[in-house]
N, C-alpha and C. Protein backbone atom coordinates (compact mmCIF):
# COMPACT_ATOMS: atom_id res chain seq x y z
N MET A 1 -18.42 -4.29 6.30
CA MET A 1 -17.61 -5.49 6.57
C MET A 1 -16.17 -5.09 6.88
N SER A 2 -15.61 -5.61 7.97
CA SER A 2 -14.24 -5.32 8.36
C SER A 2 -13.25 -6.08 7.48
N LEU A 3 -12.27 -5.36 6.92
CA LEU A 3 -11.22 -5.99 6.12
C LEU A 3 -9.91 -6.09 6.90
N LEU A 4 -9.65 -5.08 7.73
CA LEU A 4 -8.41 -5.01 8.50
C LEU A 4 -8.73 -4.51 9.91
N GLU A 5 -8.24 -5.24 10.90
CA GLU A 5 -8.48 -4.84 12.29
C GLU A 5 -7.19 -4.96 13.08
N ILE A 6 -6.84 -3.88 13.76
CA ILE A 6 -5.62 -3.82 14.56
C ILE A 6 -6.02 -3.68 16.03
N LYS A 7 -5.52 -4.59 16.87
CA LYS A 7 -5.90 -4.59 18.28
C LYS A 7 -4.66 -4.60 19.17
N ASN A 8 -4.54 -3.55 19.99
CA ASN A 8 -3.48 -3.47 21.02
C ASN A 8 -2.08 -3.73 20.47
N VAL A 9 -1.80 -3.21 19.30
CA VAL A 9 -0.50 -3.44 18.67
C VAL A 9 0.55 -2.49 19.24
N SER A 10 1.64 -3.08 19.69
CA SER A 10 2.77 -2.31 20.22
C SER A 10 4.05 -2.81 19.56
N HIS A 11 5.02 -1.90 19.41
CA HIS A 11 6.30 -2.31 18.82
C HIS A 11 7.41 -1.36 19.25
N SER A 12 8.60 -1.94 19.37
CA SER A 12 9.79 -1.14 19.69
C SER A 12 10.99 -1.81 19.07
N PHE A 13 12.04 -1.02 18.88
CA PHE A 13 13.33 -1.55 18.48
C PHE A 13 14.28 -1.33 19.66
N ASP A 14 15.21 -0.41 19.58
CA ASP A 14 16.02 -0.06 20.74
C ASP A 14 15.28 0.94 21.63
N TYR A 15 14.17 1.44 21.15
CA TYR A 15 13.35 2.41 21.86
C TYR A 15 11.90 2.16 21.48
N PRO A 16 10.95 2.54 22.33
CA PRO A 16 9.54 2.30 22.00
C PRO A 16 9.08 3.19 20.86
N LEU A 17 8.32 2.61 19.92
CA LEU A 17 7.76 3.38 18.81
C LEU A 17 6.31 3.75 19.08
N PHE A 18 5.47 2.75 19.36
CA PHE A 18 4.06 3.00 19.64
C PHE A 18 3.52 1.85 20.47
N LYS A 19 2.40 2.10 21.13
CA LYS A 19 1.82 1.04 21.96
C LYS A 19 0.30 1.11 21.91
N ASN A 20 -0.31 -0.06 22.03
CA ASN A 20 -1.77 -0.21 22.13
C ASN A 20 -2.52 0.50 21.00
N VAL A 21 -2.06 0.30 19.77
CA VAL A 21 -2.73 0.90 18.62
C VAL A 21 -3.96 0.05 18.26
N ASP A 22 -5.09 0.73 18.07
CA ASP A 22 -6.34 0.07 17.70
C ASP A 22 -7.00 0.84 16.56
N PHE A 23 -7.38 0.14 15.50
CA PHE A 23 -8.25 0.73 14.49
C PHE A 23 -8.80 -0.37 13.59
N THR A 24 -9.84 -0.03 12.87
CA THR A 24 -10.49 -0.97 11.95
C THR A 24 -10.70 -0.28 10.61
N LEU A 25 -10.47 -1.00 9.53
CA LEU A 25 -10.77 -0.51 8.19
C LEU A 25 -11.81 -1.43 7.56
N CYS A 26 -12.88 -0.83 7.08
CA CYS A 26 -13.96 -1.59 6.47
C CYS A 26 -14.00 -1.32 4.97
N GLU A 27 -14.93 -1.95 4.28
CA GLU A 27 -15.07 -1.77 2.84
C GLU A 27 -15.26 -0.30 2.48
N GLU A 28 -14.57 0.13 1.43
CA GLU A 28 -14.65 1.48 0.88
C GLU A 28 -14.12 2.55 1.84
N GLU A 29 -13.30 2.15 2.80
CA GLU A 29 -12.70 3.12 3.70
C GLU A 29 -11.23 3.30 3.39
N THR A 30 -10.75 4.52 3.58
CA THR A 30 -9.33 4.80 3.46
C THR A 30 -8.88 5.52 4.71
N MET A 31 -7.62 5.32 5.06
CA MET A 31 -7.10 5.89 6.30
C MET A 31 -5.67 6.33 6.08
N SER A 32 -5.30 7.47 6.62
CA SER A 32 -3.93 7.96 6.53
C SER A 32 -3.25 7.85 7.88
N ILE A 33 -1.97 7.50 7.84
CA ILE A 33 -1.11 7.51 9.02
C ILE A 33 -0.10 8.63 8.82
N THR A 34 -0.12 9.60 9.71
CA THR A 34 0.78 10.74 9.59
C THR A 34 1.70 10.79 10.81
N GLY A 35 2.74 11.61 10.72
CA GLY A 35 3.67 11.75 11.83
C GLY A 35 5.04 12.16 11.33
N VAL A 36 5.89 12.57 12.26
CA VAL A 36 7.23 13.03 11.89
C VAL A 36 8.09 11.84 11.49
N SER A 37 9.20 12.12 10.82
CA SER A 37 10.14 11.06 10.43
C SER A 37 10.64 10.34 11.68
N GLY A 38 10.69 9.02 11.60
CA GLY A 38 11.19 8.22 12.71
C GLY A 38 10.16 7.88 13.77
N SER A 39 8.92 8.29 13.56
CA SER A 39 7.89 8.04 14.57
C SER A 39 7.28 6.64 14.46
N GLY A 40 7.56 5.93 13.38
CA GLY A 40 7.09 4.55 13.27
C GLY A 40 5.99 4.32 12.26
N LYS A 41 5.75 5.29 11.38
CA LYS A 41 4.66 5.16 10.40
C LYS A 41 4.86 3.94 9.51
N SER A 42 6.04 3.83 8.91
CA SER A 42 6.29 2.71 8.00
C SER A 42 6.32 1.39 8.75
N THR A 43 6.85 1.40 9.96
CA THR A 43 6.86 0.19 10.78
C THR A 43 5.45 -0.30 11.03
N LEU A 44 4.55 0.61 11.36
CA LEU A 44 3.16 0.23 11.60
C LEU A 44 2.53 -0.33 10.33
N MET A 45 2.83 0.29 9.18
CA MET A 45 2.30 -0.23 7.93
C MET A 45 2.84 -1.63 7.63
N HIS A 46 4.13 -1.85 7.90
CA HIS A 46 4.71 -3.16 7.68
C HIS A 46 4.05 -4.21 8.56
N ILE A 47 3.73 -3.85 9.77
CA ILE A 47 3.03 -4.76 10.68
C ILE A 47 1.64 -5.08 10.13
N CYS A 48 0.94 -4.07 9.66
CA CYS A 48 -0.41 -4.26 9.15
C CYS A 48 -0.43 -5.08 7.86
N SER A 49 0.66 -5.05 7.11
CA SER A 49 0.67 -5.65 5.77
C SER A 49 1.42 -6.97 5.68
N THR A 50 1.57 -7.67 6.80
CA THR A 50 2.15 -9.03 6.87
C THR A 50 3.67 -9.07 6.86
N LEU A 51 4.34 -7.92 6.83
CA LEU A 51 5.79 -7.91 6.66
C LEU A 51 6.57 -7.96 7.96
N LEU A 52 5.94 -7.62 9.08
CA LEU A 52 6.66 -7.54 10.36
C LEU A 52 5.71 -7.89 11.50
N GLU A 53 6.06 -8.91 12.25
CA GLU A 53 5.22 -9.30 13.38
C GLU A 53 5.44 -8.32 14.54
N PRO A 54 4.39 -7.80 15.14
CA PRO A 54 4.55 -6.83 16.23
C PRO A 54 5.03 -7.51 17.50
N ASN A 55 5.58 -6.71 18.43
CA ASN A 55 5.97 -7.24 19.72
C ASN A 55 4.77 -7.79 20.48
N SER A 56 3.63 -7.14 20.32
CA SER A 56 2.40 -7.62 20.95
C SER A 56 1.20 -7.09 20.18
N GLY A 57 0.06 -7.74 20.40
CA GLY A 57 -1.16 -7.32 19.73
C GLY A 57 -1.55 -8.25 18.59
N HIS A 58 -2.65 -7.93 17.93
CA HIS A 58 -3.21 -8.78 16.89
C HIS A 58 -3.51 -7.98 15.63
N VAL A 59 -3.22 -8.57 14.48
CA VAL A 59 -3.55 -7.99 13.18
C VAL A 59 -4.46 -8.99 12.46
N THR A 60 -5.67 -8.56 12.15
CA THR A 60 -6.65 -9.44 11.52
C THR A 60 -6.97 -8.93 10.12
N ILE A 61 -6.75 -9.77 9.13
CA ILE A 61 -7.08 -9.45 7.74
C ILE A 61 -8.07 -10.49 7.25
N PHE A 62 -9.22 -10.03 6.76
CA PHE A 62 -10.28 -10.93 6.30
C PHE A 62 -10.63 -11.95 7.38
N ASN A 63 -10.72 -11.44 8.63
CA ASN A 63 -11.10 -12.25 9.79
C ASN A 63 -10.09 -13.34 10.14
N LYS A 64 -8.84 -13.17 9.69
CA LYS A 64 -7.78 -14.12 10.02
C LYS A 64 -6.69 -13.40 10.82
N ASP A 65 -6.37 -13.92 11.98
CA ASP A 65 -5.28 -13.38 12.80
C ASP A 65 -3.98 -13.78 12.11
N ILE A 66 -3.42 -12.88 11.32
CA ILE A 66 -2.41 -13.27 10.33
C ILE A 66 -1.12 -13.82 10.94
N TYR A 67 -0.72 -13.33 12.10
CA TYR A 67 0.54 -13.80 12.66
C TYR A 67 0.39 -15.09 13.45
N LYS A 68 -0.80 -15.67 13.37
CA LYS A 68 -1.02 -17.02 13.89
C LYS A 68 -1.15 -18.04 12.76
N LEU A 69 -1.09 -17.55 11.53
CA LEU A 69 -1.22 -18.42 10.36
C LEU A 69 0.10 -19.10 10.03
N PRO A 70 0.06 -20.28 9.41
CA PRO A 70 1.28 -20.88 8.86
C PRO A 70 1.89 -19.94 7.82
N ASN A 71 3.20 -19.99 7.69
CA ASN A 71 3.89 -19.05 6.80
C ASN A 71 3.38 -19.11 5.37
N LYS A 72 3.03 -20.30 4.88
CA LYS A 72 2.54 -20.45 3.52
C LYS A 72 1.25 -19.68 3.31
N LYS A 73 0.33 -19.74 4.27
CA LYS A 73 -0.93 -19.01 4.15
C LYS A 73 -0.71 -17.50 4.24
N LEU A 74 0.25 -17.09 5.07
CA LEU A 74 0.58 -15.68 5.17
C LEU A 74 1.12 -15.16 3.85
N ILE A 75 1.97 -15.93 3.20
CA ILE A 75 2.53 -15.55 1.90
C ILE A 75 1.43 -15.47 0.85
N ASN A 76 0.48 -16.39 0.90
CA ASN A 76 -0.63 -16.36 -0.06
C ASN A 76 -1.46 -15.09 0.08
N ILE A 77 -1.71 -14.66 1.31
CA ILE A 77 -2.44 -13.40 1.53
C ILE A 77 -1.65 -12.24 0.93
N ARG A 78 -0.36 -12.23 1.19
CA ARG A 78 0.51 -11.15 0.69
C ARG A 78 0.54 -11.14 -0.84
N ARG A 79 0.58 -12.32 -1.42
CA ARG A 79 0.73 -12.44 -2.88
C ARG A 79 -0.56 -12.17 -3.63
N GLU A 80 -1.70 -12.63 -3.07
CA GLU A 80 -2.94 -12.66 -3.84
C GLU A 80 -4.01 -11.67 -3.38
N GLU A 81 -4.01 -11.26 -2.13
CA GLU A 81 -5.16 -10.52 -1.61
C GLU A 81 -4.87 -9.10 -1.16
N ILE A 82 -3.59 -8.76 -0.97
CA ILE A 82 -3.25 -7.39 -0.60
C ILE A 82 -2.21 -6.86 -1.58
N GLY A 83 -2.10 -5.53 -1.64
CA GLY A 83 -1.10 -4.89 -2.48
C GLY A 83 -0.31 -3.89 -1.67
N ILE A 84 1.01 -3.87 -1.85
CA ILE A 84 1.88 -2.97 -1.10
C ILE A 84 2.62 -2.07 -2.07
N ILE A 85 2.41 -0.76 -1.92
CA ILE A 85 3.12 0.24 -2.73
C ILE A 85 4.17 0.88 -1.84
N PHE A 86 5.44 0.70 -2.21
CA PHE A 86 6.53 1.27 -1.43
C PHE A 86 6.99 2.60 -2.04
N GLN A 87 7.62 3.42 -1.21
CA GLN A 87 8.19 4.67 -1.72
C GLN A 87 9.31 4.35 -2.72
N THR A 88 10.10 3.31 -2.42
CA THR A 88 11.08 2.78 -3.37
C THR A 88 10.37 1.69 -4.15
N HIS A 89 10.40 1.75 -5.47
CA HIS A 89 9.49 0.95 -6.28
C HIS A 89 9.87 -0.52 -6.41
N TYR A 90 11.16 -0.87 -6.23
CA TYR A 90 11.59 -2.27 -6.29
C TYR A 90 11.20 -2.97 -7.60
N LEU A 91 11.36 -2.29 -8.71
CA LEU A 91 11.12 -2.92 -10.01
C LEU A 91 12.35 -3.71 -10.44
N PHE A 92 12.15 -4.68 -11.32
CA PHE A 92 13.26 -5.44 -11.88
C PHE A 92 13.84 -4.64 -13.05
N ARG A 93 15.03 -4.12 -12.86
CA ARG A 93 15.58 -3.15 -13.80
C ARG A 93 15.93 -3.77 -15.15
N GLY A 94 16.22 -5.05 -15.20
CA GLY A 94 16.54 -5.68 -16.48
C GLY A 94 15.32 -5.99 -17.32
N PHE A 95 14.14 -5.78 -16.75
CA PHE A 95 12.89 -6.07 -17.44
C PHE A 95 12.26 -4.79 -17.96
N SER A 96 11.35 -4.95 -18.91
CA SER A 96 10.57 -3.81 -19.37
C SER A 96 9.47 -3.50 -18.36
N ALA A 97 8.83 -2.35 -18.51
CA ALA A 97 7.71 -1.99 -17.65
C ALA A 97 6.61 -3.05 -17.76
N ASN A 98 6.34 -3.46 -19.01
CA ASN A 98 5.30 -4.46 -19.23
C ASN A 98 5.62 -5.78 -18.54
N GLU A 99 6.87 -6.22 -18.61
CA GLU A 99 7.27 -7.48 -17.98
C GLU A 99 7.14 -7.41 -16.46
N ASN A 100 7.46 -6.25 -15.89
CA ASN A 100 7.29 -6.08 -14.45
C ASN A 100 5.83 -6.24 -14.03
N ILE A 101 4.94 -5.65 -14.81
CA ILE A 101 3.51 -5.76 -14.49
C ILE A 101 3.01 -7.17 -14.74
N GLU A 102 3.51 -7.81 -15.79
CA GLU A 102 3.10 -9.18 -16.12
C GLU A 102 3.43 -10.15 -15.00
N LEU A 103 4.55 -9.94 -14.31
CA LEU A 103 4.92 -10.81 -13.20
C LEU A 103 3.82 -10.85 -12.15
N SER A 104 3.22 -9.69 -11.93
CA SER A 104 2.14 -9.60 -10.95
C SER A 104 0.89 -10.32 -11.43
N THR A 105 0.55 -10.15 -12.70
CA THR A 105 -0.67 -10.77 -13.22
C THR A 105 -0.53 -12.29 -13.34
N LEU A 106 0.68 -12.77 -13.55
CA LEU A 106 0.89 -14.21 -13.65
C LEU A 106 0.57 -14.91 -12.34
N MET A 107 0.90 -14.26 -11.23
CA MET A 107 0.65 -14.86 -9.91
C MET A 107 -0.84 -14.96 -9.62
N THR A 108 -1.60 -13.99 -10.11
CA THR A 108 -3.03 -13.94 -9.77
C THR A 108 -3.92 -14.31 -10.95
N LYS A 109 -3.30 -14.61 -12.10
CA LYS A 109 -4.03 -15.01 -13.30
C LYS A 109 -4.99 -13.93 -13.79
N ASN A 110 -4.58 -12.67 -13.62
CA ASN A 110 -5.33 -11.55 -14.16
C ASN A 110 -4.68 -11.08 -15.45
N GLU A 111 -5.33 -10.14 -16.12
CA GLU A 111 -4.78 -9.55 -17.33
C GLU A 111 -4.45 -8.09 -17.09
N ILE A 112 -3.47 -7.58 -17.83
CA ILE A 112 -3.11 -6.17 -17.70
C ILE A 112 -4.24 -5.32 -18.26
N ASP A 113 -4.63 -4.32 -17.50
CA ASP A 113 -5.75 -3.44 -17.85
C ASP A 113 -5.22 -2.25 -18.64
N ASP A 114 -5.53 -2.20 -19.94
CA ASP A 114 -5.05 -1.09 -20.78
C ASP A 114 -5.58 0.26 -20.30
N GLU A 115 -6.79 0.27 -19.78
CA GLU A 115 -7.37 1.52 -19.28
C GLU A 115 -6.56 2.06 -18.11
N LEU A 116 -6.08 1.15 -17.25
CA LEU A 116 -5.25 1.56 -16.12
C LEU A 116 -3.93 2.15 -16.60
N LEU A 117 -3.34 1.55 -17.62
CA LEU A 117 -2.08 2.08 -18.17
C LEU A 117 -2.29 3.47 -18.74
N ASP A 118 -3.43 3.69 -19.38
CA ASP A 118 -3.77 5.02 -19.91
C ASP A 118 -3.90 6.03 -18.77
N LYS A 119 -4.63 5.65 -17.74
CA LYS A 119 -4.86 6.56 -16.61
C LYS A 119 -3.55 6.94 -15.93
N LEU A 120 -2.63 5.98 -15.84
CA LEU A 120 -1.34 6.24 -15.20
C LEU A 120 -0.32 6.85 -16.15
N LYS A 121 -0.71 7.02 -17.42
CA LYS A 121 0.13 7.66 -18.44
C LYS A 121 1.45 6.93 -18.65
N ILE A 122 1.37 5.61 -18.72
CA ILE A 122 2.57 4.81 -18.96
C ILE A 122 2.42 3.89 -20.17
N LYS A 123 1.31 3.99 -20.88
CA LYS A 123 1.07 3.08 -22.01
C LYS A 123 2.12 3.26 -23.10
N LYS A 124 2.56 4.49 -23.32
CA LYS A 124 3.51 4.76 -24.40
C LYS A 124 4.91 4.26 -24.07
N VAL A 125 5.20 4.02 -22.80
CA VAL A 125 6.55 3.59 -22.42
C VAL A 125 6.54 2.15 -21.90
N ILE A 126 5.43 1.43 -22.10
CA ILE A 126 5.24 0.14 -21.47
C ILE A 126 6.26 -0.90 -21.91
N ASN A 127 6.82 -0.75 -23.11
CA ASN A 127 7.79 -1.73 -23.61
C ASN A 127 9.25 -1.31 -23.40
N GLN A 128 9.44 -0.17 -22.75
CA GLN A 128 10.79 0.30 -22.45
C GLN A 128 11.34 -0.39 -21.20
N LYS A 129 12.66 -0.55 -21.16
CA LYS A 129 13.30 -1.09 -19.96
C LYS A 129 13.11 -0.12 -18.80
N VAL A 130 13.01 -0.67 -17.62
CA VAL A 130 12.78 0.17 -16.44
C VAL A 130 13.87 1.22 -16.27
N GLY A 131 15.11 0.84 -16.57
CA GLY A 131 16.23 1.77 -16.43
C GLY A 131 16.15 2.97 -17.37
N GLU A 132 15.33 2.88 -18.39
CA GLU A 132 15.17 3.99 -19.35
C GLU A 132 14.07 4.97 -18.92
N LEU A 133 13.35 4.62 -17.87
CA LEU A 133 12.22 5.45 -17.43
C LEU A 133 12.65 6.45 -16.37
N SER A 134 11.90 7.54 -16.27
CA SER A 134 12.15 8.52 -15.22
C SER A 134 11.69 7.94 -13.88
N GLY A 135 12.08 8.59 -12.80
CA GLY A 135 11.66 8.14 -11.48
C GLY A 135 10.15 8.13 -11.33
N GLY A 136 9.51 9.16 -11.87
CA GLY A 136 8.05 9.24 -11.79
C GLY A 136 7.37 8.14 -12.58
N GLN A 137 7.92 7.84 -13.76
CA GLN A 137 7.36 6.75 -14.58
C GLN A 137 7.54 5.41 -13.88
N GLN A 138 8.69 5.21 -13.28
CA GLN A 138 8.94 3.97 -12.56
C GLN A 138 7.95 3.80 -11.40
N GLN A 139 7.68 4.87 -10.69
CA GLN A 139 6.73 4.79 -9.58
C GLN A 139 5.33 4.44 -10.08
N ARG A 140 4.94 5.02 -11.22
CA ARG A 140 3.61 4.72 -11.76
C ARG A 140 3.53 3.27 -12.27
N VAL A 141 4.65 2.74 -12.79
CA VAL A 141 4.69 1.33 -13.17
C VAL A 141 4.52 0.46 -11.93
N SER A 142 5.16 0.83 -10.85
CA SER A 142 5.05 0.03 -9.62
C SER A 142 3.62 0.04 -9.09
N ILE A 143 2.93 1.17 -9.23
CA ILE A 143 1.53 1.25 -8.81
C ILE A 143 0.66 0.39 -9.73
N ALA A 144 0.94 0.43 -11.03
CA ALA A 144 0.20 -0.42 -11.98
C ALA A 144 0.42 -1.89 -11.65
N ARG A 145 1.63 -2.25 -11.27
CA ARG A 145 1.94 -3.64 -10.93
C ARG A 145 1.11 -4.11 -9.74
N VAL A 146 0.94 -3.23 -8.75
CA VAL A 146 0.13 -3.59 -7.58
C VAL A 146 -1.35 -3.69 -7.95
N LEU A 147 -1.86 -2.71 -8.68
CA LEU A 147 -3.29 -2.71 -9.02
C LEU A 147 -3.64 -3.86 -9.97
N ALA A 148 -2.67 -4.31 -10.76
CA ALA A 148 -2.92 -5.40 -11.69
C ALA A 148 -3.27 -6.70 -10.97
N LYS A 149 -2.85 -6.83 -9.71
CA LYS A 149 -3.21 -8.01 -8.92
C LYS A 149 -4.67 -7.99 -8.47
N LYS A 150 -5.27 -6.79 -8.54
CA LYS A 150 -6.62 -6.58 -8.04
C LYS A 150 -6.75 -6.93 -6.55
N PRO A 151 -5.88 -6.31 -5.71
CA PRO A 151 -5.93 -6.61 -4.28
C PRO A 151 -7.14 -5.97 -3.61
N LYS A 152 -7.56 -6.55 -2.51
CA LYS A 152 -8.70 -6.03 -1.76
C LYS A 152 -8.27 -4.91 -0.81
N ILE A 153 -7.05 -5.01 -0.29
CA ILE A 153 -6.51 -3.96 0.58
C ILE A 153 -5.20 -3.47 -0.03
N ILE A 154 -5.04 -2.16 -0.09
CA ILE A 154 -3.79 -1.56 -0.55
C ILE A 154 -3.11 -0.86 0.61
N PHE A 155 -1.84 -1.16 0.79
CA PHE A 155 -0.99 -0.48 1.77
C PHE A 155 -0.01 0.38 0.97
N ALA A 156 -0.04 1.68 1.19
CA ALA A 156 0.76 2.60 0.37
C ALA A 156 1.64 3.48 1.25
N ASP A 157 2.96 3.34 1.09
CA ASP A 157 3.92 4.11 1.89
C ASP A 157 4.49 5.22 1.02
N GLU A 158 4.02 6.44 1.22
CA GLU A 158 4.45 7.60 0.42
C GLU A 158 4.39 7.27 -1.07
N PRO A 159 3.24 6.86 -1.59
CA PRO A 159 3.16 6.38 -2.98
C PRO A 159 3.39 7.45 -4.03
N THR A 160 3.28 8.72 -3.64
CA THR A 160 3.45 9.80 -4.63
C THR A 160 4.71 10.62 -4.36
N GLY A 161 5.62 10.05 -3.59
CA GLY A 161 6.82 10.79 -3.20
C GLY A 161 7.70 11.20 -4.36
N ASN A 162 7.67 10.43 -5.47
CA ASN A 162 8.51 10.74 -6.63
C ASN A 162 7.76 11.45 -7.75
N LEU A 163 6.54 11.92 -7.44
CA LEU A 163 5.69 12.51 -8.47
C LEU A 163 5.49 14.00 -8.24
N ASP A 164 5.29 14.74 -9.33
CA ASP A 164 4.96 16.15 -9.21
C ASP A 164 3.53 16.28 -8.67
N PRO A 165 3.16 17.45 -8.13
CA PRO A 165 1.85 17.59 -7.48
C PRO A 165 0.67 17.23 -8.36
N THR A 166 0.70 17.60 -9.64
CA THR A 166 -0.42 17.30 -10.53
C THR A 166 -0.57 15.80 -10.73
N THR A 167 0.55 15.13 -11.04
CA THR A 167 0.52 13.69 -11.24
C THR A 167 0.16 12.96 -9.95
N ALA A 168 0.65 13.47 -8.81
CA ALA A 168 0.33 12.86 -7.52
C ALA A 168 -1.17 12.87 -7.27
N ASN A 169 -1.82 13.99 -7.57
CA ASN A 169 -3.27 14.08 -7.40
C ASN A 169 -4.00 13.10 -8.33
N GLU A 170 -3.50 12.97 -9.55
CA GLU A 170 -4.13 12.04 -10.51
C GLU A 170 -3.99 10.60 -10.02
N VAL A 171 -2.82 10.26 -9.51
CA VAL A 171 -2.57 8.90 -9.03
C VAL A 171 -3.44 8.59 -7.82
N MET A 172 -3.55 9.53 -6.89
CA MET A 172 -4.38 9.29 -5.71
C MET A 172 -5.85 9.15 -6.11
N LYS A 173 -6.28 9.90 -7.11
CA LYS A 173 -7.66 9.76 -7.60
C LYS A 173 -7.90 8.35 -8.13
N ILE A 174 -6.91 7.81 -8.85
CA ILE A 174 -7.01 6.45 -9.37
C ILE A 174 -7.12 5.44 -8.23
N LEU A 175 -6.30 5.62 -7.19
CA LEU A 175 -6.34 4.71 -6.05
C LEU A 175 -7.69 4.77 -5.33
N PHE A 176 -8.19 5.99 -5.11
CA PHE A 176 -9.48 6.14 -4.43
C PHE A 176 -10.61 5.53 -5.25
N GLU A 177 -10.57 5.75 -6.57
CA GLU A 177 -11.61 5.18 -7.44
C GLU A 177 -11.54 3.65 -7.43
N TYR A 178 -10.34 3.12 -7.40
CA TYR A 178 -10.18 1.67 -7.36
C TYR A 178 -10.78 1.10 -6.09
N ILE A 179 -10.49 1.72 -4.95
CA ILE A 179 -11.01 1.25 -3.66
C ILE A 179 -12.53 1.28 -3.66
N SER A 180 -13.10 2.34 -4.19
CA SER A 180 -14.56 2.47 -4.24
C SER A 180 -15.17 1.39 -5.15
N LYS A 181 -14.52 1.15 -6.29
CA LYS A 181 -15.06 0.21 -7.27
C LYS A 181 -15.09 -1.22 -6.74
N ILE A 182 -14.03 -1.64 -6.05
CA ILE A 182 -13.96 -3.04 -5.60
C ILE A 182 -14.41 -3.21 -4.15
N LYS A 183 -14.85 -2.11 -3.54
CA LYS A 183 -15.23 -2.13 -2.12
C LYS A 183 -14.07 -2.62 -1.26
N GLY A 184 -12.91 -2.05 -1.54
CA GLY A 184 -11.70 -2.41 -0.81
C GLY A 184 -11.38 -1.39 0.27
N ALA A 185 -10.09 -1.37 0.68
CA ALA A 185 -9.64 -0.45 1.71
C ALA A 185 -8.22 -0.01 1.39
N LEU A 186 -7.87 1.19 1.84
CA LEU A 186 -6.54 1.76 1.61
C LEU A 186 -5.98 2.27 2.93
N LEU A 187 -4.75 1.87 3.24
CA LEU A 187 -4.01 2.42 4.38
C LEU A 187 -2.83 3.18 3.80
N LEU A 188 -2.81 4.49 4.02
CA LEU A 188 -1.84 5.39 3.40
C LEU A 188 -0.91 5.99 4.44
N VAL A 189 0.39 5.86 4.22
CA VAL A 189 1.40 6.52 5.04
C VAL A 189 1.90 7.73 4.28
N THR A 190 1.88 8.89 4.93
CA THR A 190 2.31 10.11 4.23
C THR A 190 2.76 11.19 5.20
N HIS A 191 3.70 12.03 4.73
CA HIS A 191 4.08 13.24 5.46
C HIS A 191 3.18 14.41 5.06
N ASP A 192 2.45 14.24 3.97
CA ASP A 192 1.72 15.34 3.33
C ASP A 192 0.31 15.46 3.92
N ASP A 193 0.07 16.51 4.69
CA ASP A 193 -1.24 16.69 5.32
C ASP A 193 -2.34 16.89 4.28
N LYS A 194 -2.02 17.55 3.16
CA LYS A 194 -3.03 17.74 2.12
C LYS A 194 -3.43 16.41 1.52
N LEU A 195 -2.45 15.54 1.30
CA LEU A 195 -2.74 14.22 0.76
C LEU A 195 -3.52 13.40 1.77
N ALA A 196 -3.15 13.49 3.03
CA ALA A 196 -3.84 12.74 4.09
C ALA A 196 -5.31 13.14 4.17
N SER A 197 -5.57 14.42 3.96
CA SER A 197 -6.94 14.92 4.09
C SER A 197 -7.85 14.44 2.96
N LYS A 198 -7.26 13.87 1.89
CA LYS A 198 -8.05 13.40 0.77
C LYS A 198 -8.66 12.01 1.00
N CYS A 199 -8.28 11.36 2.09
CA CYS A 199 -8.85 10.04 2.36
C CYS A 199 -10.37 10.13 2.35
N LEU A 200 -11.01 9.18 1.70
CA LEU A 200 -12.44 9.25 1.43
C LEU A 200 -13.27 9.44 2.68
N TYR A 201 -12.92 8.70 3.73
CA TYR A 201 -13.68 8.81 4.97
C TYR A 201 -12.92 9.61 6.02
N LYS A 202 -11.77 10.18 5.56
CA LYS A 202 -10.98 11.08 6.38
C LYS A 202 -10.66 10.51 7.77
N LYS A 203 -10.43 9.21 7.80
CA LYS A 203 -9.90 8.62 9.03
C LYS A 203 -8.41 8.93 9.06
N ARG A 204 -7.93 9.41 10.19
CA ARG A 204 -6.52 9.74 10.29
C ARG A 204 -5.97 9.25 11.63
N LEU A 205 -4.74 8.76 11.59
CA LEU A 205 -4.07 8.30 12.79
C LEU A 205 -2.74 9.01 12.86
N SER A 206 -2.54 9.85 13.88
CA SER A 206 -1.27 10.53 14.05
C SER A 206 -0.39 9.67 14.95
N ILE A 207 0.65 9.12 14.38
CA ILE A 207 1.51 8.21 15.11
C ILE A 207 2.24 8.94 16.24
N ASN A 208 2.39 10.28 16.14
CA ASN A 208 3.10 11.03 17.17
C ASN A 208 2.46 10.88 18.54
N GLY A 209 1.12 10.74 18.54
CA GLY A 209 0.41 10.66 19.81
C GLY A 209 0.44 9.27 20.41
N LEU A 210 1.13 8.33 19.77
CA LEU A 210 1.12 6.94 20.23
C LEU A 210 2.47 6.49 20.75
N ILE A 211 3.45 7.36 20.71
CA ILE A 211 4.80 6.98 21.14
C ILE A 211 4.77 6.71 22.64
N GLY A 212 5.34 5.57 23.05
CA GLY A 212 5.19 5.11 24.43
C GLY A 212 5.98 5.91 25.44
């Protein structure tokens, strides 16, 4: 079953980034987008994840052409059905780690999964303020916040950029296991070829070859 479909997507700012991009992500599939800095990897992910309308082309999520939807329905998809992991975690610094995750579960009426907190190694610091956590701990809290929504599609932009290699591998294993368990899909943006090669179905898109 197709979860995400990209058709003839093109985008530019003051210069062309990419044109006529086509790909499909189905259940239990993961895909990496690789390329040099400035080639448009994050821009393409933002287009795929409801955050930026492309200059041309179509983005279909759950068989809905998202940029033809009313804004309220687009926000609902973003809030309830997809998860976005940014390289910058965007946590609320005045809140504890637990409160940050709770905000996500309140929107979707889910409960915080203690097993997930254990796997991400943040259970012992869950009641600490975000500002008291290390960069790596903050990133793992942000990943827990996304997974707590139980999204069907995860969009991840350099999700392990603030983590050491061992922890990065553990986190990616958690993401892959989650996708397999819920029959979801993962779109991963990364500079790391080793990380890109870990995609379950090893679908890869090199944005360098798409520059107009």
